[in-house]
Amino acid sequence: LQMNSLKPEDTAVYYCAADHRPSGVVI
């Protein structure tokens, strides 16, 4: 995750996550 032009409101804990639902589903 490339984050540019960061703002104070971007302050947070950032988590990555994996979705293992069947192929063909949308994000």
PDB file of all heavy atoms in Angstrom:
ATOM      1  N   LEU A   1       0.858  -1.172   0.000  1.00  0.00           N
ATOM      2  CA  LEU A   1       0.000   0.000   0.000  1.00  0.00           C
ATOM      3  C   LEU A   1       0.903   1.232   0.000  1.00  0.00           C
ATOM      4  O   LEU A   1       1.555   1.540   1.006  1.00  0.00           O
ATOM      5  CB  LEU A   1      -0.924   0.027   1.219  1.00  0.00           C
ATOM      6  CG  LEU A   1      -1.842   1.238   1.323  1.00  0.00           C
ATOM      7  CD1 LEU A   1      -2.759   1.322   0.094  1.00  0.00           C
ATOM      8  CD2 LEU A   1      -2.681   1.185   2.589  1.00  0.00           C
ATOM      9  N   GLN A   2       0.954   1.894  -1.147  1.00  0.00           N
ATOM     10  CA  GLN A   2       1.706   3.144  -1.260  1.00  0.00           C
ATOM     11  C   GLN A   2       0.771   4.286  -0.898  1.00  0.00           C
ATOM     12  O   GLN A   2      -0.286   4.439  -1.524  1.00  0.00           O
ATOM     13  CB  GLN A   2       2.234   3.319  -2.683  1.00  0.00           C
ATOM     14  CG  GLN A   2       2.990   4.619  -2.910  1.00  0.00           C
ATOM     15  CD  GLN A   2       4.278   4.695  -2.120  1.00  0.00           C
ATOM     16  OE1 GLN A   2       5.033   3.741  -2.067  1.00  0.00           O
ATOM     17  NE2 GLN A   2       4.532   5.857  -1.509  1.00  0.00           N
ATOM     18  N   MET A   3       1.148   5.052   0.098  1.00  0.00           N
ATOM     19  CA  MET A   3       0.307   6.139   0.587  1.00  0.00           C
ATOM     20  C   MET A   3       1.048   7.459   0.384  1.00  0.00           C
ATOM     21  O   MET A   3       2.111   7.669   0.974  1.00  0.00           O
ATOM     22  CB  MET A   3      -0.022   5.930   2.070  1.00  0.00           C
ATOM     23  CG  MET A   3      -0.678   4.592   2.355  1.00  0.00           C
ATOM     24  SD  MET A   3      -1.206   4.412   4.077  1.00  0.00           S
ATOM     25  CE  MET A   3       0.375   4.414   4.902  1.00  0.00           C
ATOM     26  N   ASN A   4       0.479   8.295  -0.444  1.00  0.00           N
ATOM     27  CA  ASN A   4       1.054   9.607  -0.728  1.00  0.00           C
ATOM     28  C   ASN A   4       0.115  10.704  -0.241  1.00  0.00           C
ATOM     29  O   ASN A   4      -1.060  10.464   0.026  1.00  0.00           O
ATOM     30  CB  ASN A   4       1.297   9.769  -2.227  1.00  0.00           C
ATOM     31  CG  ASN A   4       2.281   8.762  -2.778  1.00  0.00           C
ATOM     32  OD1 ASN A   4       3.205   8.322  -2.083  1.00  0.00           O
ATOM     33  ND2 ASN A   4       2.107   8.382  -4.036  1.00  0.00           N
ATOM     34  N   SER A   5       0.648  11.908  -0.146  1.00  0.00           N
ATOM     35  CA  SER A   5      -0.151  13.070   0.273  1.00  0.00           C
ATOM     36  C   SER A   5      -0.948  12.760   1.535  1.00  0.00           C
ATOM     37  O   SER A   5      -2.147  13.031   1.611  1.00  0.00           O
ATOM     38  CB  SER A   5      -1.096  13.505  -0.854  1.00  0.00           C
ATOM     39  OG  SER A   5      -0.369  13.820  -2.024  1.00  0.00           O
ATOM     40  N   LEU A   6      -0.284  12.205   2.505  1.00  0.00           N
ATOM     41  CA  LEU A   6      -0.965  11.783   3.723  1.00  0.00           C
ATOM     42  C   LEU A   6      -1.542  12.960   4.485  1.00  0.00           C
ATOM     43  O   LEU A   6      -0.968  14.068   4.495  1.00  0.00           O
ATOM     44  CB  LEU A   6      -0.007  10.989   4.602  1.00  0.00           C
ATOM     45  CG  LEU A   6       0.208   9.541   4.143  1.00  0.00           C
ATOM     46  CD1 LEU A   6       1.480   8.961   4.728  1.00  0.00           C
ATOM     47  CD2 LEU A   6      -0.997   8.687   4.497  1.00  0.00           C
ATOM     48  N   LYS A   7      -2.675  12.702   5.113  1.00  0.00           N
ATOM     49  CA  LYS A   7      -3.388  13.715   5.895  1.00  0.00           C
ATOM     50  C   LYS A   7      -3.510  13.239   7.340  1.00  0.00           C
ATOM     51  O   LYS A   7      -3.495  12.032   7.596  1.00  0.00           O
ATOM     52  CB  LYS A   7      -4.788  13.913   5.305  1.00  0.00           C
ATOM     53  CG  LYS A   7      -4.811  14.284   3.838  1.00  0.00           C
ATOM     54  CD  LYS A   7      -6.245  14.351   3.331  1.00  0.00           C
ATOM     55  CE  LYS A   7      -6.302  14.706   1.856  1.00  0.00           C
ATOM     56  NZ  LYS A   7      -7.707  14.769   1.359  1.00  0.00           N
ATOM     57  N   PRO A   8      -3.685  14.149   8.265  1.00  0.00           N
ATOM     58  CA  PRO A   8      -3.872  13.732   9.667  1.00  0.00           C
ATOM     59  C   PRO A   8      -5.025  12.742   9.834  1.00  0.00           C
ATOM     60  O   PRO A   8      -4.951  11.848  10.686  1.00  0.00           O
ATOM     61  CB  PRO A   8      -4.138  15.049  10.387  1.00  0.00           C
ATOM     62  CG  PRO A   8      -3.394  16.057   9.580  1.00  0.00           C
ATOM     63  CD  PRO A   8      -3.558  15.614   8.157  1.00  0.00           C
ATOM     64  N   GLU A   9      -6.062  12.880   9.018  1.00  0.00           N
ATOM     65  CA  GLU A   9      -7.201  11.970   9.122  1.00  0.00           C
ATOM     66  C   GLU A   9      -6.897  10.562   8.622  1.00  0.00           C
ATOM     67  O   GLU A   9      -7.719   9.664   8.760  1.00  0.00           O
ATOM     68  CB  GLU A   9      -8.429  12.530   8.395  1.00  0.00           C
ATOM     69  CG  GLU A   9      -8.170  12.961   6.976  1.00  0.00           C
ATOM     70  CD  GLU A   9      -7.926  14.465   6.858  1.00  0.00           C
ATOM     71  OE1 GLU A   9      -7.162  15.011   7.707  1.00  0.00           O
ATOM     72  OE2 GLU A   9      -8.471  15.082   5.925  1.00  0.00           O
ATOM     73  N   ASP A  10      -5.731  10.358   8.058  1.00  0.00           N
ATOM     74  CA  ASP A  10      -5.303   9.003   7.679  1.00  0.00           C
ATOM     75  C   ASP A  10      -4.705   8.250   8.864  1.00  0.00           C
ATOM     76  O   ASP A  10      -4.399   7.059   8.755  1.00  0.00           O
ATOM     77  CB  ASP A  10      -4.266   9.059   6.556  1.00  0.00           C
ATOM     78  CG  ASP A  10      -4.832   9.605   5.254  1.00  0.00           C
ATOM     79  OD1 ASP A  10      -5.962   9.219   4.892  1.00  0.00           O
ATOM     80  OD2 ASP A  10      -4.141  10.406   4.604  1.00  0.00           O
ATOM     81  N   THR A  11      -4.530   8.929   9.987  1.00  0.00           N
ATOM     82  CA  THR A  11      -3.976   8.289  11.171  1.00  0.00           C
ATOM     83  C   THR A  11      -4.870   7.150  11.638  1.00  0.00           C
ATOM     84  O   THR A  11      -6.067   7.336  11.856  1.00  0.00           O
ATOM     85  CB  THR A  11      -3.805   9.316  12.307  1.00  0.00           C
ATOM     86  OG1 THR A  11      -2.830  10.289  11.911  1.00  0.00           O
ATOM     87  CG2 THR A  11      -3.364   8.642  13.598  1.00  0.00           C
ATOM     88  N   ALA A  12      -4.289   5.962  11.760  1.00  0.00           N
ATOM     89  CA  ALA A  12      -5.050   4.767  12.135  1.00  0.00           C
ATOM     90  C   ALA A  12      -4.098   3.584  12.227  1.00  0.00           C
ATOM     91  O   ALA A  12      -2.930   3.674  11.829  1.00  0.00           O
ATOM     92  CB  ALA A  12      -6.128   4.469  11.098  1.00  0.00           C
ATOM     93  N   VAL A  13      -4.615   2.487  12.738  1.00  0.00           N
ATOM     94  CA  VAL A  13      -3.934   1.214  12.606  1.00  0.00           C
ATOM     95  C   VAL A  13      -4.387   0.602  11.283  1.00  0.00           C
ATOM     96  O   VAL A  13      -5.595   0.505  11.035  1.00  0.00           O
ATOM     97  CB  VAL A  13      -4.246   0.274  13.777  1.00  0.00           C
ATOM     98  CG1 VAL A  13      -3.548  -1.077  13.562  1.00  0.00           C
ATOM     99  CG2 VAL A  13      -3.807   0.892  15.093  1.00  0.00           C
ATOM    100  N   TYR A  14      -3.446   0.212  10.473  1.00  0.00           N
ATOM    101  CA  TYR A  14      -3.735  -0.350   9.168  1.00  0.00           C
ATOM    102  C   TYR A  14      -3.545  -1.867   9.201  1.00  0.00           C
ATOM    103  O   TYR A  14      -2.514  -2.358   9.680  1.00  0.00           O
ATOM    104  CB  TYR A  14      -2.832   0.271   8.107  1.00  0.00           C
ATOM    105  CG  TYR A  14      -3.267   1.657   7.717  1.00  0.00           C
ATOM    106  CD1 TYR A  14      -3.121   2.723   8.603  1.00  0.00           C
ATOM    107  CD2 TYR A  14      -3.841   1.913   6.475  1.00  0.00           C
ATOM    108  CE1 TYR A  14      -3.538   4.000   8.263  1.00  0.00           C
ATOM    109  CE2 TYR A  14      -4.262   3.177   6.127  1.00  0.00           C
ATOM    110  CZ  TYR A  14      -4.110   4.218   7.020  1.00  0.00           C
ATOM    111  OH  TYR A  14      -4.529   5.482   6.676  1.00  0.00           O
ATOM    112  N   TYR A  15      -4.546  -2.565   8.677  1.00  0.00           N
ATOM    113  CA  TYR A  15      -4.542  -4.026   8.683  1.00  0.00           C
ATOM    114  C   TYR A  15      -4.636  -4.544   7.252  1.00  0.00           C
ATOM    115  O   TYR A  15      -5.422  -4.016   6.454  1.00  0.00           O
ATOM    116  CB  TYR A  15      -5.748  -4.570   9.439  1.00  0.00           C
ATOM    117  CG  TYR A  15      -5.835  -4.183  10.877  1.00  0.00           C
ATOM    118  CD1 TYR A  15      -6.503  -3.019  11.268  1.00  0.00           C
ATOM    119  CD2 TYR A  15      -5.281  -4.985  11.875  1.00  0.00           C
ATOM    120  CE1 TYR A  15      -6.609  -2.662  12.599  1.00  0.00           C
ATOM    121  CE2 TYR A  15      -5.378  -4.635  13.211  1.00  0.00           C
ATOM    122  CZ  TYR A  15      -6.040  -3.472  13.558  1.00  0.00           C
ATOM    123  OH  TYR A  15      -6.142  -3.120  14.892  1.00  0.00           O
ATOM    124  N   CYS A  16      -3.865  -5.575   6.940  1.00  0.00           N
ATOM    125  CA  CYS A  16      -4.126  -6.260   5.687  1.00  0.00           C
ATOM    126  C   CYS A  16      -4.961  -7.498   5.992  1.00  0.00           C
ATOM    127  O   CYS A  16      -4.943  -8.027   7.108  1.00  0.00           O
ATOM    128  CB  CYS A  16      -2.844  -6.624   4.947  1.00  0.00           C
ATOM    129  SG  CYS A  16      -1.865  -7.927   5.688  1.00  0.00           S
ATOM    130  N   ALA A  17      -5.718  -7.929   5.006  1.00  0.00           N
ATOM    131  CA  ALA A  17      -6.638  -9.035   5.185  1.00  0.00           C
ATOM    132  C   ALA A  17      -6.761  -9.830   3.902  1.00  0.00           C
ATOM    133  O   ALA A  17      -6.589  -9.280   2.803  1.00  0.00           O
ATOM    134  CB  ALA A  17      -8.006  -8.504   5.608  1.00  0.00           C
ATOM    135  N   ALA A  18      -7.062 -11.114   4.042  1.00  0.00           N
ATOM    136  CA  ALA A  18      -7.176 -12.017   2.904  1.00  0.00           C
ATOM    137  C   ALA A  18      -8.577 -12.611   2.833  1.00  0.00           C
ATOM    138  O   ALA A  18      -9.120 -13.075   3.841  1.00  0.00           O
ATOM    139  CB  ALA A  18      -6.140 -13.138   3.022  1.00  0.00           C
ATOM    140  N   ASP A  19      -9.131 -12.593   1.631  1.00  0.00           N
ATOM    141  CA  ASP A  19     -10.476 -13.100   1.358  1.00  0.00           C
ATOM    142  C   ASP A  19     -10.336 -14.358   0.510  1.00  0.00           C
ATOM    143  O   ASP A  19      -9.844 -14.279  -0.619  1.00  0.00           O
ATOM    144  CB  ASP A  19     -11.264 -12.013   0.632  1.00  0.00           C
ATOM    145  CG  ASP A  19     -12.634 -12.458   0.161  1.00  0.00           C
ATOM    146  OD1 ASP A  19     -12.993 -13.632   0.355  1.00  0.00           O
ATOM    147  OD2 ASP A  19     -13.341 -11.623  -0.420  1.00  0.00           O
ATOM    148  N   HIS A  20     -10.823 -15.471   1.030  1.00  0.00           N
ATOM    149  CA  HIS A  20     -10.672 -16.763   0.351  1.00  0.00           C
ATOM    150  C   HIS A  20     -11.977 -17.252  -0.252  1.00  0.00           C
ATOM    151  O   HIS A  20     -12.158 -18.459  -0.469  1.00  0.00           O
ATOM    152  CB  HIS A  20     -10.120 -17.813   1.334  1.00  0.00           C
ATOM    153  CG  HIS A  20      -9.556 -19.012   0.646  1.00  0.00           C
ATOM    154  ND1 HIS A  20      -9.530 -20.264   1.231  1.00  0.00           N
ATOM    155  CD2 HIS A  20      -9.010 -19.163  -0.580  1.00  0.00           C
ATOM    156  CE1 HIS A  20      -8.975 -21.126   0.390  1.00  0.00           C
ATOM    157  NE2 HIS A  20      -8.654 -20.476  -0.704  1.00  0.00           N
ATOM    158  N   ARG A  21     -12.897 -16.358  -0.533  1.00  0.00           N
ATOM    159  CA  ARG A  21     -14.143 -16.776  -1.163  1.00  0.00           C
ATOM    160  C   ARG A  21     -13.866 -17.280  -2.579  1.00  0.00           C
ATOM    161  O   ARG A  21     -12.816 -16.997  -3.150  1.00  0.00           O
ATOM    162  CB  ARG A  21     -15.133 -15.628  -1.168  1.00  0.00           C
ATOM    163  CG  ARG A  21     -15.678 -15.298   0.218  1.00  0.00           C
ATOM    164  CD  ARG A  21     -16.632 -14.111   0.153  1.00  0.00           C
ATOM    165  NE  ARG A  21     -15.960 -12.928  -0.336  1.00  0.00           N
ATOM    166  CZ  ARG A  21     -16.542 -11.989  -1.080  1.00  0.00           C
ATOM    167  NH1 ARG A  21     -17.813 -12.096  -1.388  1.00  0.00           N
ATOM    168  NH2 ARG A  21     -15.858 -10.948  -1.490  1.00  0.00           N
ATOM    169  N   PRO A  22     -14.799 -18.038  -3.168  1.00  0.00           N
ATOM    170  CA  PRO A  22     -14.563 -18.617  -4.492  1.00  0.00           C
ATOM    171  C   PRO A  22     -14.261 -17.567  -5.548  1.00  0.00           C
ATOM    172  O   PRO A  22     -14.664 -16.410  -5.432  1.00  0.00           O
ATOM    173  CB  PRO A  22     -15.884 -19.323  -4.806  1.00  0.00           C
ATOM    174  CG  PRO A  22     -16.501 -19.584  -3.475  1.00  0.00           C
ATOM    175  CD  PRO A  22     -16.095 -18.429  -2.615  1.00  0.00           C
ATOM    176  N   SER A  23     -13.558 -17.983  -6.575  1.00  0.00           N
ATOM    177  CA  SER A  23     -13.233 -17.072  -7.667  1.00  0.00           C
ATOM    178  C   SER A  23     -14.527 -16.587  -8.324  1.00  0.00           C
ATOM    179  O   SER A  23     -15.544 -17.279  -8.321  1.00  0.00           O
ATOM    180  CB  SER A  23     -12.363 -17.775  -8.707  1.00  0.00           C
ATOM    181  OG  SER A  23     -13.038 -18.886  -9.247  1.00  0.00           O
ATOM    182  N   GLY A  24     -14.461 -15.380  -8.857  1.00  0.00           N
ATOM    183  CA  GLY A  24     -15.620 -14.790  -9.500  1.00  0.00           C
ATOM    184  C   GLY A  24     -16.318 -13.751  -8.652  1.00  0.00           C
ATOM    185  O   GLY A  24     -17.110 -12.962  -9.166  1.00  0.00           O
ATOM    186  N   VAL A  25     -16.034 -13.710  -7.362  1.00  0.00           N
ATOM    187  CA  VAL A  25     -16.655 -12.692  -6.522  1.00  0.00           C
ATOM    188  C   VAL A  25     -15.916 -11.369  -6.690  1.00  0.00           C
ATOM    189  O   VAL A  25     -14.740 -11.336  -7.048  1.00  0.00           O
ATOM    190  CB  VAL A  25     -16.651 -13.116  -5.041  1.00  0.00           C
ATOM    191  CG1 VAL A  25     -17.437 -14.409  -4.856  1.00  0.00           C
ATOM    192  CG2 VAL A  25     -15.230 -13.261  -4.506  1.00  0.00           C
ATOM    193  N   VAL A  26     -16.616 -10.286  -6.422  1.00  0.00           N
ATOM    194  CA  VAL A  26     -15.991  -8.974  -6.522  1.00  0.00           C
ATOM    195  C   VAL A  26     -15.238  -8.678  -5.232  1.00  0.00           C
ATOM    196  O   VAL A  26     -15.424  -9.353  -4.212  1.00  0.00           O
ATOM    197  CB  VAL A  26     -17.043  -7.880  -6.789  1.00  0.00           C
ATOM    198  CG1 VAL A  26     -17.750  -8.160  -8.110  1.00  0.00           C
ATOM    199  CG2 VAL A  26     -18.049  -7.802  -5.643  1.00  0.00           C
ATOM    200  N   ILE A  27     -14.388  -7.672  -5.279  1.00  0.00           N
ATOM    201  CA  ILE A  27     -13.653  -7.254  -4.097  1.00  0.00           C
ATOM    202  C   ILE A  27     -14.656  -6.770  -3.044  1.00  0.00           C
ATOM    203  O   ILE A  27     -15.466  -5.880  -3.333  1.00  0.00           O
ATOM    204  CB  ILE A  27     -12.660  -6.133  -4.439  1.00  0.00           C
ATOM    205  CG1 ILE A  27     -11.630  -6.637  -5.454  1.00  0.00           C
ATOM    206  CG2 ILE A  27     -11.969  -5.616  -3.184  1.00  0.00           C
ATOM    207  CD1 ILE A  27     -10.768  -5.547  -6.045  1.00  0.00           C
TER     208      ILE A  27
END
